[in-house]
C-alpha cells in the first residue's frame, strides 16, 4: 500500500501492547486494508494518496529520478542510458510512481498493490492501455511471490505494513527475482524516536523503522546497500519525517 508523507511526531506506540513489545508486533493487516479502503483513489491529482501535500509528488519524483540515475552508474553492466526492460512498482497505490517515474525509465512496469480500488485505477489508466503497465497483482507484499526476473524492484512508502520477519522474507524473494544487473530500491520514512526505536502508527497500523533496523533486515535478507541517501527539498516548516533511499544488490 503506497503511503503518504508522515508528519514528525505523529506516530506513537500503541497502548494495546506493553511498552517493551517490538513496534511491529502491533501491525494488523486487516486494519491497514480498512484504512486504505477509506482513502479516496484519485487518478488525476493523487490527492487521495498524498493527503494534504499535493506539491509533495513533484519533489518526491524529482529526487527519485536523480537517485536512480546515480545508482545505475554504480552497478557493473547496468545500462546507464535508455530504458530498463522490466520493473515492478511494489506498494503501487494508484500508480503515482509508475506514472511519474518508472514509466519514463522502464519499458514495462508491473504493479503490486493489495487494495482493489487502487489497482482498478491502474487497470483503467492510459499506461495500461498503451502496454507500459504489464501485470497487476492485487496482493500484499507479504503474499507476493515473483514469477519473473526484474531489472528494478521499486518499493516505496509501504513496507511499514509488514512485520520485521515478513519484510526479511519479502526482500529474500526480491533478491531471488533480480536479473544479473537488477536493483532493489527502497524509499521510506525514517523513525525520529529519541530513543532510537521504531515507531508504530495506529491510524494505518504501520511501523516507521530506524535506519539501523532497515540495515539489519537487508543483511538478514542477503542484500547489501550499494548507496543510500536522504531525500532533499521538502519544506522544513511541514515537519515531515525524514525520507531515505536505499539501493540494494545481492551479496556476492
C-alpha atoms as a PDB file:
ATOM      1  CA  UNK A   1       0.000   0.000   0.000  1.00  0.00           C
ATOM      2  CA  UNK A   2       1.617   3.212  -1.114  1.00  0.00           C
ATOM      3  CA  UNK A   3       1.590   5.536   1.851  1.00  0.00           C
ATOM      4  CA  UNK A   4       1.598   9.296   2.263  1.00  0.00           C
ATOM      5  CA  UNK A   5       4.183  11.628   3.805  1.00  0.00           C
ATOM      6  CA  UNK A   6       4.259  11.321   7.584  1.00  0.00           C
ATOM      7  CA  UNK A   7       4.495  14.236   9.968  1.00  0.00           C
ATOM      8  CA  UNK A   8       7.252  14.088  12.573  1.00  0.00           C
ATOM      9  CA  UNK A   9       5.872  13.124  15.949  1.00  0.00           C
ATOM     10  CA  UNK A  10       2.597  11.781  14.565  1.00  0.00           C
ATOM     11  CA  UNK A  11       3.468   8.116  15.291  1.00  0.00           C
ATOM     12  CA  UNK A  12       3.279   6.557  18.734  1.00  0.00           C
ATOM     13  CA  UNK A  13       3.454   3.107  20.298  1.00  0.00           C
ATOM     14  CA  UNK A  14       0.026   1.587  20.724  1.00  0.00           C
ATOM     15  CA  UNK A  15      -1.217   1.264  24.299  1.00  0.00           C
ATOM     16  CA  UNK A  16      -2.631  -2.187  23.485  1.00  0.00           C
ATOM     17  CA  UNK A  17       0.842  -3.763  23.819  1.00  0.00           C
ATOM     18  CA  UNK A  18       3.432  -3.397  26.593  1.00  0.00           C
ATOM     19  CA  UNK A  19       5.898  -0.573  26.022  1.00  0.00           C
ATOM     20  CA  UNK A  20       8.677  -3.144  25.647  1.00  0.00           C
ATOM     21  CA  UNK A  21       6.942  -5.016  22.817  1.00  0.00           C
ATOM     22  CA  UNK A  22       8.501  -4.563  19.368  1.00  0.00           C
ATOM     23  CA  UNK A  23       6.691  -1.926  17.339  1.00  0.00           C
ATOM     24  CA  UNK A  24       5.960  -4.380  14.527  1.00  0.00           C
ATOM     25  CA  UNK A  25       4.032  -6.652  16.928  1.00  0.00           C
ATOM     26  CA  UNK A  26       1.191  -4.127  16.705  1.00  0.00           C
ATOM     27  CA  UNK A  27       0.761  -4.485  12.938  1.00  0.00           C
ATOM     28  CA  UNK A  28      -2.707  -5.603  11.894  1.00  0.00           C
ATOM     29  CA  UNK A  29      -3.022  -6.230   8.138  1.00  0.00           C
ATOM     30  CA  UNK A  30      -6.820  -6.143   8.208  1.00  0.00           C
ATOM     31  CA  UNK A  31      -6.748  -2.742   9.927  1.00  0.00           C
ATOM     32  CA  UNK A  32      -4.295  -1.467   7.307  1.00  0.00           C
ATOM     33  CA  UNK A  33      -6.593  -2.560   4.479  1.00  0.00           C
ATOM     34  CA  UNK A  34      -9.581  -0.922   6.172  1.00  0.00           C
ATOM     35  CA  UNK A  35      -7.651   2.326   6.482  1.00  0.00           C
ATOM     36  CA  UNK A  36      -6.574   2.400   2.831  1.00  0.00           C
ATOM     37  CA  UNK A  37     -10.043   1.448   1.644  1.00  0.00           C
ATOM     38  CA  UNK A  38     -11.232   4.635   3.379  1.00  0.00           C
ATOM     39  CA  UNK A  39      -8.798   6.751   1.314  1.00  0.00           C
ATOM     40  CA  UNK A  40     -10.011   8.178  -1.983  1.00  0.00           C
ATOM     41  CA  UNK A  41      -8.480   6.780  -5.163  1.00  0.00           C
ATOM     42  CA  UNK A  42      -7.856   9.848  -7.332  1.00  0.00           C
ATOM     43  CA  UNK A  43      -6.146   9.089 -10.637  1.00  0.00           C
ATOM     44  CA  UNK A  44      -5.744  12.723 -11.646  1.00  0.00           C
ATOM     45  CA  UNK A  45      -4.220  14.581  -8.710  1.00  0.00           C
ATOM     46  CA  UNK A  46      -3.203  11.641  -6.486  1.00  0.00           C
ATOM     47  CA  UNK A  47      -4.517  13.657  -3.546  1.00  0.00           C
ATOM     48  CA  UNK A  48      -6.002  10.538  -2.018  1.00  0.00           C
ATOM     49  CA  UNK A  49      -2.511   9.092  -1.624  1.00  0.00           C
ATOM     50  CA  UNK A  50      -0.786  12.299  -0.584  1.00  0.00           C
ATOM     51  CA  UNK A  51      -3.184  13.716   1.942  1.00  0.00           C
ATOM     52  CA  UNK A  52      -2.779  17.486   2.202  1.00  0.00           C
ATOM     53  CA  UNK A  53       0.506  17.666   0.282  1.00  0.00           C
ATOM     54  CA  UNK A  54      -0.217  17.888  -3.479  1.00  0.00           C
ATOM     55  CA  UNK A  55       3.177  19.586  -4.014  1.00  0.00           C
ATOM     56  CA  UNK A  56       4.938  16.609  -2.449  1.00  0.00           C
ATOM     57  CA  UNK A  57       4.872  14.436  -5.552  1.00  0.00           C
ATOM     58  CA  UNK A  58       6.937  16.852  -7.678  1.00  0.00           C
ATOM     59  CA  UNK A  59       9.783  16.955  -5.153  1.00  0.00           C
ATOM     60  CA  UNK A  60       9.481  13.240  -4.445  1.00  0.00           C
ATOM     61  CA  UNK A  61       9.676  12.144  -8.083  1.00  0.00           C
ATOM     62  CA  UNK A  62      12.498  14.520  -8.921  1.00  0.00           C
ATOM     63  CA  UNK A  63      14.565  13.086  -6.071  1.00  0.00           C
ATOM     64  CA  UNK A  64      13.766   9.526  -7.127  1.00  0.00           C
ATOM     65  CA  UNK A  65      14.797  10.125 -10.721  1.00  0.00           C
ATOM     66  CA  UNK A  66      18.107  11.614  -9.623  1.00  0.00           C
ATOM     67  CA  UNK A  67      18.803   8.780  -7.194  1.00  0.00           C
ATOM     68  CA  UNK A  68      18.063   6.063  -9.733  1.00  0.00           C
ATOM     69  CA  UNK A  69      20.338   7.717 -12.275  1.00  0.00           C
ATOM     70  CA  UNK A  70      23.196   7.614  -9.742  1.00  0.00           C
ATOM     71  CA  UNK A  71      22.505   4.011  -8.833  1.00  0.00           C
ATOM     72  CA  UNK A  72      22.569   2.759 -12.415  1.00  0.00           C
ATOM     73  CA  UNK A  73      26.120   4.097 -12.759  1.00  0.00           C
ATOM     74  CA  UNK A  74      27.208   2.098  -9.695  1.00  0.00           C
ATOM     75  CA  UNK A  75      26.112  -1.328 -10.959  1.00  0.00           C
ATOM     76  CA  UNK A  76      28.638  -3.012 -13.274  1.00  0.00           C
ATOM     77  CA  UNK A  77      26.996  -3.953 -16.542  1.00  0.00           C
ATOM     78  CA  UNK A  78      23.833  -1.952 -15.917  1.00  0.00           C
ATOM     79  CA  UNK A  79      22.912   0.304 -18.802  1.00  0.00           C
ATOM     80  CA  UNK A  80      23.129   3.977 -17.865  1.00  0.00           C
ATOM     81  CA  UNK A  81      21.246   5.232 -20.906  1.00  0.00           C
ATOM     82  CA  UNK A  82      17.867   4.329 -22.315  1.00  0.00           C
ATOM     83  CA  UNK A  83      15.209   2.346 -20.531  1.00  0.00           C
ATOM     84  CA  UNK A  84      15.462  -0.718 -18.356  1.00  0.00           C
ATOM     85  CA  UNK A  85      13.462  -3.673 -19.608  1.00  0.00           C
ATOM     86  CA  UNK A  86      11.194  -4.686 -16.721  1.00  0.00           C
ATOM     87  CA  UNK A  87      10.380  -3.077 -13.373  1.00  0.00           C
ATOM     88  CA  UNK A  88       7.812  -3.647 -10.669  1.00  0.00           C
ATOM     89  CA  UNK A  89       6.181  -0.970  -8.516  1.00  0.00           C
ATOM     90  CA  UNK A  90       5.619  -2.566  -5.094  1.00  0.00           C
ATOM     91  CA  UNK A  91       3.001  -0.865  -2.957  1.00  0.00           C
ATOM     92  CA  UNK A  92       1.901   0.876  -6.144  1.00  0.00           C
ATOM     93  CA  UNK A  93      -1.227   2.573  -4.818  1.00  0.00           C
ATOM     94  CA  UNK A  94      -2.976   4.198  -7.783  1.00  0.00           C
ATOM     95  CA  UNK A  95       0.222   4.226  -9.836  1.00  0.00           C
ATOM     96  CA  UNK A  96       1.697   7.581  -8.873  1.00  0.00           C
ATOM     97  CA  UNK A  97       5.307   6.383  -9.030  1.00  0.00           C
ATOM     98  CA  UNK A  98       4.648   4.232 -12.082  1.00  0.00           C
ATOM     99  CA  UNK A  99       3.221   7.198 -13.952  1.00  0.00           C
ATOM    100  CA  UNK A 100       5.629   9.847 -12.719  1.00  0.00           C
ATOM    101  CA  UNK A 101       8.897   7.897 -12.749  1.00  0.00           C
ATOM    102  CA  UNK A 102       9.018   4.235 -13.693  1.00  0.00           C
ATOM    103  CA  UNK A 103       7.185   4.558 -16.999  1.00  0.00           C
ATOM    104  CA  UNK A 104       9.855   7.046 -18.108  1.00  0.00           C
ATOM    105  CA  UNK A 105      12.809   4.804 -17.283  1.00  0.00           C
ATOM    106  CA  UNK A 106      11.435   1.296 -17.926  1.00  0.00           C
ATOM    107  CA  UNK A 107       9.822  -0.358 -20.941  1.00  0.00           C
ATOM    108  CA  UNK A 108       7.288  -2.304 -18.855  1.00  0.00           C
ATOM    109  CA  UNK A 109       6.182  -1.861 -15.254  1.00  0.00           C
ATOM    110  CA  UNK A 110       4.270  -4.446 -13.233  1.00  0.00           C
ATOM    111  CA  UNK A 111       2.352  -3.350 -10.138  1.00  0.00           C
ATOM    112  CA  UNK A 112       1.787  -4.935  -6.716  1.00  0.00           C
ATOM    113  CA  UNK A 113      -0.930  -3.417  -4.534  1.00  0.00           C
ATOM    114  CA  UNK A 114      -3.415  -5.065  -2.108  1.00  0.00           C
ATOM    115  CA  UNK A 115      -6.265  -2.541  -2.360  1.00  0.00           C
ATOM    116  CA  UNK A 116      -8.581  -3.461  -5.229  1.00  0.00           C
ATOM    117  CA  UNK A 117      -9.927   0.037  -5.867  1.00  0.00           C
ATOM    118  CA  UNK A 118      -6.352   1.296  -6.301  1.00  0.00           C
ATOM    119  CA  UNK A 119      -5.366  -1.428  -8.755  1.00  0.00           C
ATOM    120  CA  UNK A 120      -8.560  -0.700 -10.684  1.00  0.00           C
ATOM    121  CA  UNK A 121      -7.293   2.854 -11.260  1.00  0.00           C
ATOM    122  CA  UNK A 122      -4.105   1.376 -12.744  1.00  0.00           C
ATOM    123  CA  UNK A 123      -6.099  -1.058 -14.913  1.00  0.00           C
ATOM    124  CA  UNK A 124      -8.131   1.854 -16.286  1.00  0.00           C
ATOM    125  CA  UNK A 125      -5.069   4.038 -16.936  1.00  0.00           C
ATOM    126  CA  UNK A 126      -3.687   5.182 -20.272  1.00  0.00           C
ATOM    127  CA  UNK A 127      -0.392   3.482 -19.404  1.00  0.00           C
ATOM    128  CA  UNK A 128      -2.153   0.136 -19.121  1.00  0.00           C
ATOM    129  CA  UNK A 129      -3.916   0.664 -22.446  1.00  0.00           C
ATOM    130  CA  UNK A 130      -0.581   1.584 -24.024  1.00  0.00           C
ATOM    131  CA  UNK A 131       1.029  -1.600 -22.723  1.00  0.00           C
ATOM    132  CA  UNK A 132       3.507   0.188 -20.473  1.00  0.00           C
ATOM    133  CA  UNK A 133       1.863  -1.300 -17.389  1.00  0.00           C
ATOM    134  CA  UNK A 134       2.204  -5.055 -17.508  1.00  0.00           C
ATOM    135  CA  UNK A 135       0.828  -7.468 -14.934  1.00  0.00           C
ATOM    136  CA  UNK A 136      -1.080  -6.143 -11.929  1.00  0.00           C
ATOM    137  CA  UNK A 137      -1.085  -8.160  -8.720  1.00  0.00           C
ATOM    138  CA  UNK A 138      -3.771  -7.293  -6.176  1.00  0.00           C
ATOM    139  CA  UNK A 139      -1.968  -8.715  -3.175  1.00  0.00           C
ATOM    140  CA  UNK A 140       0.041  -7.505  -0.202  1.00  0.00           C
ATOM    141  CA  UNK A 141       3.829  -7.649  -0.321  1.00  0.00           C
ATOM    142  CA  UNK A 142       3.774 -10.403   2.289  1.00  0.00           C
ATOM    143  CA  UNK A 143       1.840 -12.582  -0.161  1.00  0.00           C
ATOM    144  CA  UNK A 144       3.625 -11.653  -3.396  1.00  0.00           C
ATOM    145  CA  UNK A 145       5.849 -14.355  -4.887  1.00  0.00           C
ATOM    146  CA  UNK A 146       7.521 -13.036  -8.059  1.00  0.00           C
ATOM    147  CA  UNK A 147       7.457 -15.272 -11.118  1.00  0.00           C
ATOM    148  CA  UNK A 148       9.669 -13.027 -13.249  1.00  0.00           C
ATOM    149  CA  UNK A 149      13.159 -11.559 -13.221  1.00  0.00           C
ATOM    150  CA  UNK A 150      13.183  -7.783 -12.751  1.00  0.00           C
ATOM    151  CA  UNK A 151      15.749  -5.149 -13.632  1.00  0.00           C
ATOM    152  CA  UNK A 152      14.277  -2.848 -10.989  1.00  0.00           C
ATOM    153  CA  UNK A 153      12.119  -3.544  -7.948  1.00  0.00           C
ATOM    154  CA  UNK A 154      10.859  -0.218  -6.593  1.00  0.00           C
ATOM    155  CA  UNK A 155       9.396  -0.313  -3.076  1.00  0.00           C
ATOM    156  CA  UNK A 156       8.153   2.977  -1.630  1.00  0.00           C
ATOM    157  CA  UNK A 157       6.110   4.005   1.417  1.00  0.00           C
ATOM    158  CA  UNK A 158       4.613   0.574   2.039  1.00  0.00           C
ATOM    159  CA  UNK A 159       6.943  -1.751   3.975  1.00  0.00           C
ATOM    160  CA  UNK A 160       5.717  -0.323   7.281  1.00  0.00           C
ATOM    161  CA  UNK A 161       2.714  -2.605   6.907  1.00  0.00           C
ATOM    162  CA  UNK A 162       4.900  -5.713   7.134  1.00  0.00           C
ATOM    163  CA  UNK A 163       6.367  -7.194  10.299  1.00  0.00           C
ATOM    164  CA  UNK A 164      10.151  -7.475  10.507  1.00  0.00           C
ATOM    165  CA  UNK A 165      10.018 -11.206   9.716  1.00  0.00           C
ATOM    166  CA  UNK A 166       7.676 -10.678   6.772  1.00  0.00           C
ATOM    167  CA  UNK A 167       9.935  -7.932   5.484  1.00  0.00           C
ATOM    168  CA  UNK A 168      13.011 -10.149   5.575  1.00  0.00           C
ATOM    169  CA  UNK A 169      11.140 -12.821   3.620  1.00  0.00           C
ATOM    170  CA  UNK A 170       9.896 -10.219   1.126  1.00  0.00           C
ATOM    171  CA  UNK A 171      13.429  -8.979   0.467  1.00  0.00           C
ATOM    172  CA  UNK A 172      14.699 -12.548   0.074  1.00  0.00           C
ATOM    173  CA  UNK A 173      12.109 -13.054  -2.672  1.00  0.00           C
ATOM    174  CA  UNK A 174      13.108  -9.749  -4.252  1.00  0.00           C
ATOM    175  CA  UNK A 175      16.776 -10.765  -4.196  1.00  0.00           C
ATOM    176  CA  UNK A 176      15.978 -14.042  -5.919  1.00  0.00           C
ATOM    177  CA  UNK A 177      13.906 -12.340  -8.639  1.00  0.00           C
ATOM    178  CA  UNK A 178      16.534  -9.850  -9.839  1.00  0.00           C
ATOM    179  CA  UNK A 179      18.225 -10.020 -13.213  1.00  0.00           C
ATOM    180  CA  UNK A 180      22.026 -10.187 -13.285  1.00  0.00           C
ATOM    181  CA  UNK A 181      22.231  -6.389 -13.023  1.00  0.00           C
ATOM    182  CA  UNK A 182      18.945  -5.921 -11.194  1.00  0.00           C
ATOM    183  CA  UNK A 183      18.459  -3.373  -8.415  1.00  0.00           C
ATOM    184  CA  UNK A 184      16.104  -3.098  -5.448  1.00  0.00           C
ATOM    185  CA  UNK A 185      15.291   0.477  -4.437  1.00  0.00           C
ATOM    186  CA  UNK A 186      13.586   1.135  -1.114  1.00  0.00           C
ATOM    187  CA  UNK A 187      12.286   4.602  -0.253  1.00  0.00           C
ATOM    188  CA  UNK A 188      10.770   5.001   3.185  1.00  0.00           C
ATOM    189  CA  UNK A 189      10.129   7.347   6.086  1.00  0.00           C
ATOM    190  CA  UNK A 190      12.652   7.132   8.918  1.00  0.00           C
ATOM    191  CA  UNK A 191      11.917   6.948  12.642  1.00  0.00           C
ATOM    192  CA  UNK A 192      12.757  10.043  14.693  1.00  0.00           C
ATOM    193  CA  UNK A 193      12.131   8.374  18.045  1.00  0.00           C
ATOM    194  CA  UNK A 194      14.543   9.987  20.574  1.00  0.00           C
ATOM    195  CA  UNK A 195      15.400   6.563  21.989  1.00  0.00           C
ATOM    196  CA  UNK A 196      16.249   5.126  18.589  1.00  0.00           C
ATOM    197  CA  UNK A 197      13.216   2.860  18.369  1.00  0.00           C
ATOM    198  CA  UNK A 198      10.826   2.056  15.559  1.00  0.00           C
ATOM    199  CA  UNK A 199       7.531   3.954  15.803  1.00  0.00           C
ATOM    200  CA  UNK A 200       4.057   2.460  15.487  1.00  0.00           C
ATOM    201  CA  UNK A 201       1.202   4.480  13.964  1.00  0.00           C
ATOM    202  CA  UNK A 202      -2.219   3.166  14.946  1.00  0.00           C
ATOM    203  CA  UNK A 203      -4.016   5.277  12.319  1.00  0.00           C
ATOM    204  CA  UNK A 204      -2.992   2.981   9.464  1.00  0.00           C
ATOM    205  CA  UNK A 205      -1.381   0.180  11.527  1.00  0.00           C
ATOM    206  CA  UNK A 206       2.133   0.710  10.232  1.00  0.00           C
ATOM    207  CA  UNK A 207       5.678   0.945  11.576  1.00  0.00           C
ATOM    208  CA  UNK A 208       8.263   3.624  10.783  1.00  0.00           C
ATOM    209  CA  UNK A 209      11.675   1.987  11.151  1.00  0.00           C
ATOM    210  CA  UNK A 210      15.081   3.310  12.037  1.00  0.00           C
ATOM    211  CA  UNK A 211      17.968   3.319   9.589  1.00  0.00           C
ATOM    212  CA  UNK A 212      19.678   0.721  11.780  1.00  0.00           C
ATOM    213  CA  UNK A 213      16.661  -1.615  11.662  1.00  0.00           C
ATOM    214  CA  UNK A 214      16.476  -1.384   7.859  1.00  0.00           C
ATOM    215  CA  UNK A 215      20.161  -2.287   7.560  1.00  0.00           C
ATOM    216  CA  UNK A 216      19.684  -5.285   9.866  1.00  0.00           C
ATOM    217  CA  UNK A 217      16.773  -6.503   7.734  1.00  0.00           C
ATOM    218  CA  UNK A 218      18.692  -6.054   4.482  1.00  0.00           C
ATOM    219  CA  UNK A 219      21.607  -8.029   5.894  1.00  0.00           C
ATOM    220  CA  UNK A 220      19.336 -10.853   7.038  1.00  0.00           C
ATOM    221  CA  UNK A 221      17.830 -10.995   3.544  1.00  0.00           C
ATOM    222  CA  UNK A 222      21.226 -11.324   1.872  1.00  0.00           C
ATOM    223  CA  UNK A 223      21.266  -7.826   0.395  1.00  0.00           C
ATOM    224  CA  UNK A 224      23.930  -5.138   0.567  1.00  0.00           C
ATOM    225  CA  UNK A 225      23.390  -1.387   0.438  1.00  0.00           C
ATOM    226  CA  UNK A 226      25.360  -0.049  -2.514  1.00  0.00           C
ATOM    227  CA  UNK A 227      24.330   3.522  -1.761  1.00  0.00           C
ATOM    228  CA  UNK A 228      21.884   5.382   0.446  1.00  0.00           C
ATOM    229  CA  UNK A 229      20.859   8.999   0.856  1.00  0.00           C
ATOM    230  CA  UNK A 230      18.154  11.246   2.244  1.00  0.00           C
ATOM    231  CA  UNK A 231      15.516  12.798   0.013  1.00  0.00           C
ATOM    232  CA  UNK A 232      16.122  16.535  -0.048  1.00  0.00           C
ATOM    233  CA  UNK A 233      13.938  19.505  -0.908  1.00  0.00           C
ATOM    234  CA  UNK A 234      10.932  19.145   1.367  1.00  0.00           C
ATOM    235  CA  UNK A 235       9.961  22.397   3.139  1.00  0.00           C
ATOM    236  CA  UNK A 236      11.126  22.239   6.751  1.00  0.00           C
ATOM    237  CA  UNK A 237       8.070  24.042   8.068  1.00  0.00           C
ATOM    238  CA  UNK A 238       5.911  20.969   7.352  1.00  0.00           C
ATOM    239  CA  UNK A 239       7.988  18.899   9.807  1.00  0.00           C
ATOM    240  CA  UNK A 240       7.797  15.758   7.712  1.00  0.00           C
ATOM    241  CA  UNK A 241       9.633  12.637   8.761  1.00  0.00           C
ATOM    242  CA  UNK A 242      12.978  12.146   7.008  1.00  0.00           C
ATOM    243  CA  UNK A 243      12.766  10.019   3.864  1.00  0.00           C
ATOM    244  CA  UNK A 244      15.692   7.787   2.922  1.00  0.00           C
ATOM    245  CA  UNK A 245      16.604   5.896  -0.250  1.00  0.00           C
ATOM    246  CA  UNK A 246      18.397   2.552  -0.226  1.00  0.00           C
ATOM    247  CA  UNK A 247      19.776   0.884  -3.356  1.00  0.00           C
ATOM    248  CA  UNK A 248      20.283  -2.836  -2.789  1.00  0.00           C
ATOM    249  CA  UNK A 249      22.046  -5.674  -4.562  1.00  0.00           C
ATOM    250  CA  UNK A 250      22.569  -9.332  -3.638  1.00  0.00           C
ATOM    251  CA  UNK A 251      25.626 -10.156  -1.564  1.00  0.00           C
ATOM    252  CA  UNK A 252      28.360 -11.526  -3.809  1.00  0.00           C
END
